[in-house]
Amino acid sequence: MPKQETYFEHVTGDRRIEVVKTYDQMYAREAFDSMDESAQGQLWKSLSIEENFSPSDIPSIQSPESGEFLWEELLDAAREDGNIISFFVVNETSRAASKSLYVSPDWPSAEAFTKRLIAKNQ
């Protein structure tokens, strides 16, 4: 299995934001579970859920079913070749605390999230 690698890193003072590419589905799921509503909404848009499904096939983004639906769509989009699945996880470290903020199946979505995060905190 390929190794995890750092795709992007931005350090300002004691705050570090990084994007890692990982093949670890459990790590990606933990990052997914820690995403807030705004991050999930951004992932929802980046996966083009509204364009790829009829409205009757999509659970409301506020419903309990939407989380599992979004995770399954993320898994489908994260396939590289055959059984290889990769994710881009955005992490923020400040002082001694580290947290995952976003997980994506592609670099452009993770990059867009990271740029907004950096701009918001400057």
Protein backbone atom coordinates (compact mmCIF):
# COMPACT_ATOMS: atom_id res chain seq x y z
CA MET A 1 0.00 0.00 0.00
CA PRO A 2 1.33 3.50 -0.81
CA LYS A 3 2.44 5.67 2.09
CA GLN A 4 0.74 8.75 3.42
CA GLU A 5 2.31 11.96 2.14
CA THR A 6 2.04 15.64 2.92
CA TYR A 7 0.65 17.57 -0.05
CA PHE A 8 0.54 21.03 1.48
CA GLU A 9 1.68 22.77 4.63
CA HIS A 10 1.11 26.34 5.85
CA VAL A 11 2.54 27.63 9.13
CA THR A 12 1.60 30.93 10.75
CA GLY A 13 2.90 31.45 14.28
CA ASP A 14 1.94 28.39 16.30
CA ARG A 15 -0.77 27.34 13.84
CA ARG A 16 -0.11 24.75 11.17
CA ILE A 17 -2.49 23.63 8.44
CA GLU A 18 -1.59 20.61 6.39
CA VAL A 19 -3.18 18.48 3.71
CA VAL A 20 -2.15 14.85 3.67
CA LYS A 21 -2.94 12.24 1.09
CA THR A 22 -3.75 8.98 2.79
CA TYR A 23 -4.86 5.52 1.81
CA ASP A 24 -6.09 4.73 5.32
CA GLN A 25 -9.87 4.44 5.18
CA MET A 26 -10.24 4.37 8.98
CA TYR A 27 -8.26 7.60 9.34
CA ALA A 28 -10.37 9.19 6.60
CA ARG A 29 -13.57 8.09 8.35
CA GLU A 30 -12.38 9.64 11.62
CA ALA A 31 -11.67 12.88 9.76
CA PHE A 32 -15.08 12.69 8.07
CA ASP A 33 -16.81 12.18 11.42
CA SER A 34 -15.09 15.27 12.83
CA MET A 35 -16.21 17.56 9.98
CA ASP A 36 -18.62 20.34 10.90
CA GLU A 37 -21.78 21.15 8.91
CA SER A 38 -20.03 23.77 6.80
CA ALA A 39 -17.28 21.33 5.79
CA GLN A 40 -19.86 18.64 4.99
CA GLY A 41 -21.75 21.16 2.89
CA GLN A 42 -18.60 21.98 0.96
CA LEU A 43 -17.92 18.28 0.38
CA TRP A 44 -21.55 17.81 -0.71
CA LYS A 45 -21.04 20.55 -3.33
CA SER A 46 -17.64 19.29 -4.46
CA LEU A 47 -19.12 15.83 -5.09
CA SER A 48 -21.91 17.44 -7.17
CA ILE A 49 -24.58 15.52 -5.27
CA GLU A 50 -27.41 17.76 -6.53
CA GLU A 51 -26.32 17.33 -10.16
CA ASN A 52 -25.69 13.57 -10.02
CA PHE A 53 -28.90 12.42 -8.34
CA SER A 54 -32.58 13.09 -8.71
CA PRO A 55 -34.02 15.00 -5.75
CA SER A 56 -36.02 11.97 -4.61
CA ASP A 57 -32.81 9.91 -4.26
CA ILE A 58 -31.03 12.43 -2.03
CA PRO A 59 -31.61 12.60 1.72
CA SER A 60 -31.91 16.08 3.14
CA ILE A 61 -28.47 17.35 4.15
CA GLN A 62 -29.87 17.92 7.65
CA SER A 63 -31.23 14.36 8.00
CA PRO A 64 -29.39 11.62 9.90
CA GLU A 65 -29.16 9.55 6.69
CA SER A 66 -27.24 12.28 4.86
CA GLY A 67 -24.00 11.49 6.72
CA GLU A 68 -23.85 7.88 5.56
CA PHE A 69 -25.00 8.88 2.08
CA LEU A 70 -22.21 11.47 1.87
CA TRP A 71 -19.62 8.98 3.20
CA GLU A 72 -20.63 6.42 0.55
CA GLU A 73 -20.35 9.02 -2.20
CA LEU A 74 -16.95 10.06 -0.85
CA LEU A 75 -15.79 6.43 -0.95
CA ASP A 76 -16.97 6.03 -4.55
CA ALA A 77 -15.21 9.22 -5.62
CA ALA A 78 -11.99 8.29 -3.77
CA ARG A 79 -11.26 5.28 -6.00
CA GLU A 80 -8.04 5.67 -7.94
CA ASP A 81 -7.50 2.31 -9.64
CA GLY A 82 -9.53 -0.77 -8.88
CA ASN A 83 -9.39 -1.27 -5.14
CA ILE A 84 -7.04 1.63 -4.33
CA ILE A 85 -8.83 4.37 -2.43
CA SER A 86 -7.16 7.64 -1.44
CA PHE A 87 -8.27 10.67 0.51
CA PHE A 88 -7.01 14.19 1.13
CA VAL A 89 -7.35 15.17 4.79
CA VAL A 90 -7.02 18.77 5.99
CA ASN A 91 -5.61 18.99 9.52
CA GLU A 92 -5.06 21.98 11.77
CA THR A 93 -2.58 22.00 14.64
CA SER A 94 -2.49 24.84 17.12
CA ARG A 95 -0.25 24.61 20.15
CA ALA A 96 -0.58 21.00 21.28
CA ALA A 97 -4.04 20.30 19.83
CA SER A 98 -4.56 18.77 16.41
CA LYS A 99 -7.83 18.18 14.62
CA SER A 100 -9.02 17.05 11.22
CA LEU A 101 -11.32 19.56 9.55
CA TYR A 102 -12.08 18.16 6.10
CA VAL A 103 -11.67 15.05 4.00
CA SER A 104 -11.98 14.90 0.24
CA PRO A 105 -11.49 12.40 -2.57
CA ASP A 106 -9.48 14.93 -4.60
CA TRP A 107 -6.79 17.57 -4.28
CA PRO A 108 -8.75 20.51 -5.81
CA SER A 109 -11.51 20.26 -3.21
CA ALA A 110 -9.04 19.94 -0.33
CA GLU A 111 -7.01 22.85 -1.72
CA ALA A 112 -10.11 25.07 -2.00
CA PHE A 113 -11.12 24.27 1.59
CA THR A 114 -7.58 24.99 2.81
CA LYS A 115 -7.35 28.32 0.97
CA ARG A 116 -10.65 29.47 2.48
CA LEU A 117 -9.49 28.38 5.92
CA ILE A 118 -6.22 30.31 5.61
CA ALA A 119 -7.95 33.41 4.25
CA LYS A 120 -10.57 33.33 7.02
CA ASN A 121 -7.93 33.22 9.74
CA GLN A 122 -5.62 35.96 8.47
